[in-house]
Amino acid sequence: MKELASTRFKNRLRELRQKRGWTQEKAAEVCGLGYKLYQLYELGIKRNPGLLTLEKIAAGYGLDISELLAPFPKGMRMAKAAKTRGRRPEKPQSQKEE
């Protein structure tokens, strides 16, 4: 059974916060949110954050929104993914300029 996006989001928030050793209060402060609101998202009680809220949370953790919403597969390190971010895919040989 596929995991719901809201479940992935709450798990991702908890994972990011715990990796930094932050309390929910500290995470909320860094992200520019109220403590109770942050807590509701992490507990999965409030499930649909708006775009501005997602931007605040992502910025607080130093991530792009896409990184916030798409956790890395197990075993893939964030540092490895960061190295590849921003690179453009190479053009196939037939499309390369000569």
PDB file of N, CA and C in Angstrom:
ATOM      1  N   MET A   1       0.842  -1.184   0.000  1.00  0.00           N
ATOM      2  CA  MET A   1       0.000   0.000   0.000  1.00  0.00           C
ATOM      3  C   MET A   1       0.888   1.248   0.000  1.00  0.00           C
ATOM      4  N   LYS A   2       0.545   2.192  -0.841  1.00  0.00           N
ATOM      5  CA  LYS A   2       1.346   3.406  -0.970  1.00  0.00           C
ATOM      6  C   LYS A   2       1.074   4.354   0.203  1.00  0.00           C
ATOM      7  N   GLU A   3       2.145   4.931   0.700  1.00  0.00           N
ATOM      8  CA  GLU A   3       2.058   5.869   1.818  1.00  0.00           C
ATOM      9  C   GLU A   3       1.444   7.184   1.352  1.00  0.00           C
ATOM     10  N   LEU A   4       0.542   7.738   2.143  1.00  0.00           N
ATOM     11  CA  LEU A   4      -0.087   9.015   1.817  1.00  0.00           C
ATOM     12  C   LEU A   4       0.931  10.143   1.886  1.00  0.00           C
ATOM     13  N   ALA A   5       0.728  11.162   1.068  1.00  0.00           N
ATOM     14  CA  ALA A   5       1.632  12.324   1.056  1.00  0.00           C
ATOM     15  C   ALA A   5       1.661  12.994   2.424  1.00  0.00           C
ATOM     16  N   SER A   6       0.514  13.068   3.091  1.00  0.00           N
ATOM     17  CA  SER A   6       0.478  13.709   4.410  1.00  0.00           C
ATOM     18  C   SER A   6       1.298  12.918   5.430  1.00  0.00           C
ATOM     19  N   THR A   7       1.307  11.607   5.303  1.00  0.00           N
ATOM     20  CA  THR A   7       2.098  10.769   6.207  1.00  0.00           C
ATOM     21  C   THR A   7       3.579  10.946   5.924  1.00  0.00           C
ATOM     22  N   ARG A   8       3.950  10.989   4.644  1.00  0.00           N
ATOM     23  CA  ARG A   8       5.353  11.218   4.288  1.00  0.00           C
ATOM     24  C   ARG A   8       5.818  12.579   4.794  1.00  0.00           C
ATOM     25  N   PHE A   9       4.945  13.590   4.668  1.00  0.00           N
ATOM     26  CA  PHE A   9       5.301  14.947   5.096  1.00  0.00           C
ATOM     27  C   PHE A   9       5.558  14.996   6.597  1.00  0.00           C
ATOM     28  N   LYS A  10       4.668  14.442   7.395  1.00  0.00           N
ATOM     29  CA  LYS A  10       4.864  14.487   8.850  1.00  0.00           C
ATOM     30  C   LYS A  10       6.103  13.699   9.252  1.00  0.00           C
ATOM     31  N   ASN A  11       6.339  12.563   8.595  1.00  0.00           N
ATOM     32  CA  ASN A  11       7.537  11.778   8.901  1.00  0.00           C
ATOM     33  C   ASN A  11       8.805  12.522   8.505  1.00  0.00           C
ATOM     34  N   ARG A  12       8.738  13.236   7.374  1.00  0.00           N
ATOM     35  CA  ARG A  12       9.891  14.005   6.898  1.00  0.00           C
ATOM     36  C   ARG A  12      10.216  15.137   7.870  1.00  0.00           C
ATOM     37  N   LEU A  13       9.185  15.820   8.371  1.00  0.00           N
ATOM     38  CA  LEU A  13       9.415  16.894   9.351  1.00  0.00           C
ATOM     39  C   LEU A  13      10.113  16.350  10.592  1.00  0.00           C
ATOM     40  N   ARG A  14       9.620  15.236  11.094  1.00  0.00           N
ATOM     41  CA  ARG A  14      10.207  14.643  12.294  1.00  0.00           C
ATOM     42  C   ARG A  14      11.657  14.228  12.030  1.00  0.00           C
ATOM     43  N   GLU A  15      11.892  13.609  10.871  1.00  0.00           N
ATOM     44  CA  GLU A  15      13.239  13.163  10.516  1.00  0.00           C
ATOM     45  C   GLU A  15      14.212  14.341  10.454  1.00  0.00           C
ATOM     46  N   LEU A  16      13.819  15.402   9.764  1.00  0.00           N
ATOM     47  CA  LEU A  16      14.684  16.571   9.625  1.00  0.00           C
ATOM     48  C   LEU A  16      14.979  17.212  10.979  1.00  0.00           C
ATOM     49  N   ARG A  17      13.953  17.334  11.789  1.00  0.00           N
ATOM     50  CA  ARG A  17      14.107  17.965  13.107  1.00  0.00           C
ATOM     51  C   ARG A  17      15.017  17.132  14.002  1.00  0.00           C
ATOM     52  N   GLN A  18      14.791  15.836  14.033  1.00  0.00           N
ATOM     53  CA  GLN A  18      15.580  14.975  14.905  1.00  0.00           C
ATOM     54  C   GLN A  18      17.040  14.891  14.467  1.00  0.00           C
ATOM     55  N   LYS A  19      17.285  14.907  13.157  1.00  0.00           N
ATOM     56  CA  LYS A  19      18.667  14.870  12.667  1.00  0.00           C
ATOM     57  C   LYS A  19      19.451  16.084  13.132  1.00  0.00           C
ATOM     58  N   ARG A  20      18.766  17.188  13.346  1.00  0.00           N
ATOM     59  CA  ARG A  20      19.426  18.406  13.810  1.00  0.00           C
ATOM     60  C   ARG A  20      19.449  18.514  15.332  1.00  0.00           C
ATOM     61  N   GLY A  21      18.757  17.604  15.990  1.00  0.00           N
ATOM     62  CA  GLY A  21      18.715  17.632  17.448  1.00  0.00           C
ATOM     63  C   GLY A  21      17.851  18.759  17.994  1.00  0.00           C
ATOM     64  N   TRP A  22      16.894  19.213  17.189  1.00  0.00           N
ATOM     65  CA  TRP A  22      16.029  20.317  17.592  1.00  0.00           C
ATOM     66  C   TRP A  22      14.778  19.809  18.289  1.00  0.00           C
ATOM     67  N   THR A  23      14.237  20.657  19.156  1.00  0.00           N
ATOM     68  CA  THR A  23      12.903  20.418  19.705  1.00  0.00           C
ATOM     69  C   THR A  23      11.899  20.949  18.683  1.00  0.00           C
ATOM     70  N   GLN A  24      10.645  20.626  18.887  1.00  0.00           N
ATOM     71  CA  GLN A  24       9.614  21.181  18.002  1.00  0.00           C
ATOM     72  C   GLN A  24       9.577  22.702  18.131  1.00  0.00           C
ATOM     73  N   GLU A  25       9.807  23.201  19.326  1.00  0.00           N
ATOM     74  CA  GLU A  25       9.809  24.648  19.531  1.00  0.00           C
ATOM     75  C   GLU A  25      10.926  25.310  18.725  1.00  0.00           C
ATOM     76  N   LYS A  26      12.114  24.720  18.747  1.00  0.00           N
ATOM     77  CA  LYS A  26      13.252  25.272  18.006  1.00  0.00           C
ATOM     78  C   LYS A  26      12.985  25.205  16.503  1.00  0.00           C
ATOM     79  N   ALA A  27      12.456  24.089  16.022  1.00  0.00           N
ATOM     80  CA  ALA A  27      12.155  23.943  14.596  1.00  0.00           C
ATOM     81  C   ALA A  27      11.139  24.985  14.159  1.00  0.00           C
ATOM     82  N   ALA A  28      10.115  25.180  14.950  1.00  0.00           N
ATOM     83  CA  ALA A  28       9.084  26.167  14.619  1.00  0.00           C
ATOM     84  C   ALA A  28       9.691  27.567  14.551  1.00  0.00           C
ATOM     85  N   GLU A  29      10.545  27.883  15.500  1.00  0.00           N
ATOM     86  CA  GLU A  29      11.184  29.201  15.532  1.00  0.00           C
ATOM     87  C   GLU A  29      12.052  29.420  14.292  1.00  0.00           C
ATOM     88  N   VAL A  30      12.880  28.437  13.957  1.00  0.00           N
ATOM     89  CA  VAL A  30      13.780  28.553  12.813  1.00  0.00           C
ATOM     90  C   VAL A  30      12.987  28.666  11.510  1.00  0.00           C
ATOM     91  N   CYS A  31      11.863  27.965  11.445  1.00  0.00           N
ATOM     92  CA  CYS A  31      11.033  27.979  10.237  1.00  0.00           C
ATOM     93  C   CYS A  31      10.088  29.179  10.173  1.00  0.00           C
ATOM     94  N   GLY A  32      10.015  29.934  11.246  1.00  0.00           N
ATOM     95  CA  GLY A  32       9.148  31.107  11.258  1.00  0.00           C
ATOM     96  C   GLY A  32       7.677  30.771  11.400  1.00  0.00           C
ATOM     97  N   LEU A  33       7.400  29.680  12.108  1.00  0.00           N
ATOM     98  CA  LEU A  33       6.019  29.256  12.358  1.00  0.00           C
ATOM     99  C   LEU A  33       5.743  29.264  13.850  1.00  0.00           C
ATOM    100  N   GLY A  34       4.481  29.298  14.188  1.00  0.00           N
ATOM    101  CA  GLY A  34       4.108  29.141  15.584  1.00  0.00           C
ATOM    102  C   GLY A  34       4.344  27.704  16.011  1.00  0.00           C
ATOM    103  N   TYR A  35       4.693  27.525  17.268  1.00  0.00           N
ATOM    104  CA  TYR A  35       4.982  26.189  17.781  1.00  0.00           C
ATOM    105  C   TYR A  35       3.808  25.240  17.583  1.00  0.00           C
ATOM    106  N   LYS A  36       2.624  25.663  17.942  1.00  0.00           N
ATOM    107  CA  LYS A  36       1.448  24.793  17.847  1.00  0.00           C
ATOM    108  C   LYS A  36       1.177  24.383  16.396  1.00  0.00           C
ATOM    109  N   LEU A  37       1.339  25.310  15.468  1.00  0.00           N
ATOM    110  CA  LEU A  37       1.119  24.987  14.058  1.00  0.00           C
ATOM    111  C   LEU A  37       2.130  23.941  13.597  1.00  0.00           C
ATOM    112  N   TYR A  38       3.401  24.151  13.931  1.00  0.00           N
ATOM    113  CA  TYR A  38       4.425  23.183  13.554  1.00  0.00           C
ATOM    114  C   TYR A  38       4.098  21.815  14.153  1.00  0.00           C
ATOM    115  N   GLN A  39       3.722  21.809  15.402  1.00  0.00           N
ATOM    116  CA  GLN A  39       3.392  20.568  16.084  1.00  0.00           C
ATOM    117  C   GLN A  39       2.237  19.841  15.387  1.00  0.00           C
ATOM    118  N   LEU A  40       1.227  20.585  14.967  1.00  0.00           N
ATOM    119  CA  LEU A  40       0.084  19.975  14.283  1.00  0.00           C
ATOM    120  C   LEU A  40       0.501  19.330  12.968  1.00  0.00           C
ATOM    121  N   TYR A  41       1.420  19.965  12.239  1.00  0.00           N
ATOM    122  CA  TYR A  41       1.920  19.369  10.992  1.00  0.00           C
ATOM    123  C   TYR A  41       2.724  18.108  11.282  1.00  0.00           C
ATOM    124  N   GLU A  42       3.607  18.174  12.269  1.00  0.00           N
ATOM    125  CA  GLU A  42       4.449  17.011  12.558  1.00  0.00           C
ATOM    126  C   GLU A  42       3.639  15.840  13.105  1.00  0.00           C
ATOM    127  N   LEU A  43       2.574  16.114  13.814  1.00  0.00           N
ATOM    128  CA  LEU A  43       1.716  15.042  14.333  1.00  0.00           C
ATOM    129  C   LEU A  43       0.746  14.519  13.280  1.00  0.00           C
ATOM    130  N   GLY A  44       0.645  15.226  12.161  1.00  0.00           N
ATOM    131  CA  GLY A  44      -0.264  14.794  11.105  1.00  0.00           C
ATOM    132  C   GLY A  44      -1.714  15.179  11.341  1.00  0.00           C
ATOM    133  N   ILE A  45      -1.950  16.037  12.334  1.00  0.00           N
ATOM    134  CA  ILE A  45      -3.313  16.494  12.616  1.00  0.00           C
ATOM    135  C   ILE A  45      -3.739  17.514  11.562  1.00  0.00           C
ATOM    136  N   LYS A  46      -2.851  18.424  11.240  1.00  0.00           N
ATOM    137  CA  LYS A  46      -3.079  19.383  10.158  1.00  0.00           C
ATOM    138  C   LYS A  46      -2.295  18.846   8.962  1.00  0.00           C
ATOM    139  N   ARG A  47      -2.985  18.592   7.845  1.00  0.00           N
ATOM    140  CA  ARG A  47      -2.376  17.847   6.746  1.00  0.00           C
ATOM    141  C   ARG A  47      -2.076  18.633   5.483  1.00  0.00           C
ATOM    142  N   ASN A  48      -2.612  19.800   5.332  1.00  0.00           N
ATOM    143  CA  ASN A  48      -2.477  20.508   4.059  1.00  0.00           C
ATOM    144  C   ASN A  48      -1.824  21.876   4.220  1.00  0.00           C
ATOM    145  N   PRO A  49      -0.499  21.905   4.340  1.00  0.00           N
ATOM    146  CA  PRO A  49       0.154  23.207   4.460  1.00  0.00           C
ATOM    147  C   PRO A  49       0.065  23.972   3.149  1.00  0.00           C
ATOM    148  N   GLY A  50      -0.058  25.270   3.245  1.00  0.00           N
ATOM    149  CA  GLY A  50      -0.071  26.113   2.060  1.00  0.00           C
ATOM    150  C   GLY A  50       1.333  26.292   1.500  1.00  0.00           C
ATOM    151  N   LEU A  51       1.406  26.851   0.320  1.00  0.00           N
ATOM    152  CA  LEU A  51       2.694  27.033  -0.348  1.00  0.00           C
ATOM    153  C   LEU A  51       3.636  27.919   0.463  1.00  0.00           C
ATOM    154  N   LEU A  52       3.126  28.998   1.027  1.00  0.00           N
ATOM    155  CA  LEU A  52       3.982  29.882   1.830  1.00  0.00           C
ATOM    156  C   LEU A  52       4.529  29.166   3.063  1.00  0.00           C
ATOM    157  N   THR A  53       3.700  28.331   3.663  1.00  0.00           N
ATOM    158  CA  THR A  53       4.150  27.556   4.819  1.00  0.00           C
ATOM    159  C   THR A  53       5.230  26.569   4.406  1.00  0.00           C
ATOM    160  N   LEU A  54       5.032  25.901   3.273  1.00  0.00           N
ATOM    161  CA  LEU A  54       6.046  24.968   2.771  1.00  0.00           C
ATOM    162  C   LEU A  54       7.353  25.692   2.485  1.00  0.00           C
ATOM    163  N   GLU A  55       7.258  26.901   1.925  1.00  0.00           N
ATOM    164  CA  GLU A  55       8.465  27.686   1.656  1.00  0.00           C
ATOM    165  C   GLU A  55       9.193  28.025   2.955  1.00  0.00           C
ATOM    166  N   LYS A  56       8.453  28.397   3.986  1.00  0.00           N
ATOM    167  CA  LYS A  56       9.063  28.732   5.272  1.00  0.00           C
ATOM    168  C   LYS A  56       9.760  27.523   5.889  1.00  0.00           C
ATOM    169  N   ILE A  57       9.084  26.385   5.852  1.00  0.00           N
ATOM    170  CA  ILE A  57       9.667  25.176   6.443  1.00  0.00           C
ATOM    171  C   ILE A  57      10.918  24.766   5.672  1.00  0.00           C
ATOM    172  N   ALA A  58      10.811  24.749   4.349  1.00  0.00           N
ATOM    173  CA  ALA A  58      11.967  24.369   3.522  1.00  0.00           C
ATOM    174  C   ALA A  58      13.140  25.310   3.785  1.00  0.00           C
ATOM    175  N   ALA A  59      12.884  26.607   3.829  1.00  0.00           N
ATOM    176  CA  ALA A  59      13.953  27.577   4.076  1.00  0.00           C
ATOM    177  C   ALA A  59      14.564  27.371   5.463  1.00  0.00           C
ATOM    178  N   GLY A  60      13.736  27.086   6.441  1.00  0.00           N
ATOM    179  CA  GLY A  60      14.231  26.848   7.802  1.00  0.00           C
ATOM    180  C   GLY A  60      15.202  25.685   7.863  1.00  0.00           C
ATOM    181  N   TYR A  61      14.958  24.687   7.043  1.00  0.00           N
ATOM    182  CA  TYR A  61      15.839  23.519   7.010  1.00  0.00           C
ATOM    183  C   TYR A  61      16.909  23.617   5.922  1.00  0.00           C
ATOM    184  N   GLY A  62      16.925  24.736   5.203  1.00  0.00           N
ATOM    185  CA  GLY A  62      17.935  24.919   4.165  1.00  0.00           C
ATOM    186  C   GLY A  62      17.714  24.042   2.948  1.00  0.00           C
ATOM    187  N   LEU A  63      16.461  23.798   2.610  1.00  0.00           N
ATOM    188  CA  LEU A  63      16.104  22.919   1.503  1.00  0.00           C
ATOM    189  C   LEU A  63      15.250  23.641   0.479  1.00  0.00           C
ATOM    190  N   ASP A  64      15.155  23.064  -0.695  1.00  0.00           N
ATOM    191  CA  ASP A  64      14.146  23.477  -1.675  1.00  0.00           C
ATOM    192  C   ASP A  64      12.844  22.773  -1.294  1.00  0.00           C
ATOM    193  N   ILE A  65      11.731  23.299  -1.749  1.00  0.00           N
ATOM    194  CA  ILE A  65      10.450  22.648  -1.448  1.00  0.00           C
ATOM    195  C   ILE A  65      10.441  21.214  -1.970  1.00  0.00           C
ATOM    196  N   SER A  66      11.025  20.999  -3.138  1.00  0.00           N
ATOM    197  CA  SER A  66      11.038  19.644  -3.707  1.00  0.00           C
ATOM    198  C   SER A  66      11.800  18.676  -2.799  1.00  0.00           C
ATOM    199  N   GLU A  67      12.871  19.142  -2.173  1.00  0.00           N
ATOM    200  CA  GLU A  67      13.632  18.297  -1.253  1.00  0.00           C
ATOM    201  C   GLU A  67      12.843  18.022   0.022  1.00  0.00           C
ATOM    202  N   LEU A  68      12.081  19.012   0.447  1.00  0.00           N
ATOM    203  CA  LEU A  68      11.264  18.847   1.643  1.00  0.00           C
ATOM    204  C   LEU A  68      10.182  17.797   1.414  1.00  0.00           C
ATOM    205  N   LEU A  69       9.571  17.821   0.249  1.00  0.00           N
ATOM    206  CA  LEU A  69       8.436  16.940  -0.024  1.00  0.00           C
ATOM    207  C   LEU A  69       8.828  15.571  -0.553  1.00  0.00           C
ATOM    208  N   ALA A  70      10.043  15.415  -1.025  1.00  0.00           N
ATOM    209  CA  ALA A  70      10.461  14.138  -1.592  1.00  0.00           C
ATOM    210  C   ALA A  70      11.656  13.596  -0.825  1.00  0.00           C
ATOM    211  N   PRO A  71      11.411  12.878   0.269  1.00  0.00           N
ATOM    212  CA  PRO A  71      12.527  12.342   1.035  1.00  0.00           C
ATOM    213  C   PRO A  71      13.367  11.411   0.174  1.00  0.00           C
ATOM    214  N   PHE A  72      14.643  11.344   0.472  1.00  0.00           N
ATOM    215  CA  PHE A  72      15.549  10.494  -0.274  1.00  0.00           C
ATOM    216  C   PHE A  72      15.311   9.042   0.089  1.00  0.00           C
ATOM    217  N   PRO A  73      15.475   8.151  -0.874  1.00  0.00           N
ATOM    218  CA  PRO A  73      15.345   6.721  -0.568  1.00  0.00           C
ATOM    219  C   PRO A  73      16.349   6.309   0.497  1.00  0.00           C
ATOM    220  N   LYS A  74      16.024   5.278   1.233  1.00  0.00           N
ATOM    221  CA  LYS A  74      16.937   4.804   2.277  1.00  0.00           C
ATOM    222  C   LYS A  74      18.283   4.476   1.660  1.00  0.00           C
ATOM    223  N   GLY A  75      19.324   4.891   2.333  1.00  0.00           N
ATOM    224  CA  GLY A  75      20.670   4.618   1.875  1.00  0.00           C
ATOM    225  C   GLY A  75      21.264   5.744   1.041  1.00  0.00           C
ATOM    226  N   MET A  76      20.433   6.631   0.497  1.00  0.00           N
ATOM    227  CA  MET A  76      20.960   7.743  -0.298  1.00  0.00           C
ATOM    228  C   MET A  76      21.229   8.908   0.627  1.00  0.00           C
ATOM    229  N   ARG A  77      22.444   9.352   0.658  1.00  0.00           N
ATOM    230  CA  ARG A  77      22.803  10.439   1.546  1.00  0.00           C
ATOM    231  C   ARG A  77      22.416  11.783   0.942  1.00  0.00           C
ATOM    232  N   MET A  78      22.023  12.704   1.799  1.00  0.00           N
ATOM    233  CA  MET A  78      21.640  14.043   1.349  1.00  0.00           C
ATOM    234  C   MET A  78      22.805  14.745   0.671  1.00  0.00           C
ATOM    235  N   ALA A  79      24.014  14.534   1.164  1.00  0.00           N
ATOM    236  CA  ALA A  79      25.177  15.198   0.581  1.00  0.00           C
ATOM    237  C   ALA A  79      25.388  14.757  -0.858  1.00  0.00           C
ATOM    238  N   LYS A  80      25.195  13.482  -1.130  1.00  0.00           N
ATOM    239  CA  LYS A  80      25.350  12.960  -2.484  1.00  0.00           C
ATOM    240  C   LYS A  80      24.323  13.591  -3.401  1.00  0.00           C
ATOM    241  N   ALA A  81      23.098  13.700  -2.942  1.00  0.00           N
ATOM    242  CA  ALA A  81      22.041  14.304  -3.752  1.00  0.00           C
ATOM    243  C   ALA A  81      22.321  15.779  -3.988  1.00  0.00           C
ATOM    244  N   ALA A  82      22.876  16.454  -2.996  1.00  0.00           N
ATOM    245  CA  ALA A  82      23.162  17.878  -3.137  1.00  0.00           C
ATOM    246  C   ALA A  82      24.215  18.127  -4.207  1.00  0.00           C
ATOM    247  N   LYS A  83      25.144  17.191  -4.365  1.00  0.00           N
ATOM    248  CA  LYS A  83      26.186  17.345  -5.382  1.00  0.00           C
ATOM    249  C   LYS A  83      25.602  17.314  -6.787  1.00  0.00           C
ATOM    250  N   THR A  84      24.554  16.523  -6.978  1.00  0.00           N
ATOM    251  CA  THR A  84      23.975  16.391  -8.312  1.00  0.00           C
ATOM    252  C   THR A  84      22.924  17.455  -8.593  1.00  0.00           C
ATOM    253  N   ARG A  85      22.431  18.111  -7.555  1.00  0.00           N
ATOM    254  CA  ARG A  85      21.404  19.131  -7.733  1.00  0.00           C
ATOM    255  C   ARG A  85      21.956  20.293  -8.544  1.00  0.00           C
ATOM    256  N   GLY A  86      21.182  20.770  -9.456  1.00  0.00           N
ATOM    257  CA  GLY A  86      21.580  21.930 -10.238  1.00  0.00           C
ATOM    258  C   GLY A  86      22.314  21.584 -11.510  1.00  0.00           C
ATOM    259  N   ARG A  87      22.713  20.346 -11.668  1.00  0.00           N
ATOM    260  CA  ARG A  87      23.373  19.946 -12.903  1.00  0.00           C
ATOM    261  C   ARG A  87      22.334  19.726 -13.983  1.00  0.00           C
ATOM    262  N   ARG A  88      22.674  20.145 -15.155  1.00  0.00           N
ATOM    263  CA  ARG A  88      21.784  19.901 -16.289  1.00  0.00           C
ATOM    264  C   ARG A  88      22.136  18.553 -16.899  1.00  0.00           C
ATOM    265  N   PRO A  89      21.125  17.815 -17.342  1.00  0.00           N
ATOM    266  CA  PRO A  89      21.440  16.547 -17.981  1.00  0.00           C
ATOM    267  C   PRO A  89      22.183  16.788 -19.287  1.00  0.00           C
ATOM    268  N   GLU A  90      23.102  15.906 -19.587  1.00  0.00           N
ATOM    269  CA  GLU A  90      23.858  16.048 -20.826  1.00  0.00           C
ATOM    270  C   GLU A  90      22.956  15.759 -22.012  1.00  0.00           C
ATOM    271  N   LYS A  91      23.230  16.455 -23.120  1.00  0.00           N
ATOM    272  CA  LYS A  91      22.486  16.196 -24.338  1.00  0.00           C
ATOM    273  C   LYS A  91      22.982  14.896 -24.943  1.00  0.00           C
ATOM    274  N   PRO A  92      22.087  14.126 -25.567  1.00  0.00           N
ATOM    275  CA  PRO A  92      22.527  12.926 -26.268  1.00  0.00           C
ATOM    276  C   PRO A  92      23.510  13.307 -27.375  1.00  0.00           C
ATOM    277  N   GLN A  93      24.367  12.377 -27.767  1.00  0.00           N
ATOM    278  CA  GLN A  93      25.396  12.625 -28.758  1.00  0.00           C
ATOM    279  C   GLN A  93      24.826  13.273 -30.029  1.00  0.00           C
ATOM    280  N   SER A  94      23.664  12.823 -30.479  1.00  0.00           N
ATOM    281  CA  SER A  94      23.097  13.333 -31.722  1.00  0.00           C
ATOM    282  C   SER A  94      22.675  14.797 -31.619  1.00  0.00           C
ATOM    283  N   GLN A  95      22.468  15.312 -30.387  1.00  0.00           N
ATOM    284  CA  GLN A  95      22.011  16.688 -30.202  1.00  0.00           C
ATOM    285  C   GLN A  95      23.132  17.636 -29.794  1.00  0.00           C
ATOM    286  N   LYS A  96      24.309  17.107 -29.538  1.00  0.00           N
ATOM    287  CA  LYS A  96      25.418  17.970 -29.108  1.00  0.00           C
ATOM    288  C   LYS A  96      25.872  18.869 -30.239  1.00  0.00           C
ATOM    289  N   GLU A  97      26.192  20.081 -29.839  1.00  0.00           N
ATOM    290  CA  GLU A  97      26.669  21.050 -30.818  1.00  0.00           C
ATOM    291  C   GLU A  97      28.123  20.753 -31.167  1.00  0.00           C
ATOM    292  N   GLU A  98      28.465  20.973 -32.401  1.00  0.00           N
ATOM    293  CA  GLU A  98      29.825  20.676 -32.832  1.00  0.00           C
ATOM    294  C   GLU A  98      30.610  21.931 -33.017  1.00  0.00           C
TER     295      GLU A  98
END
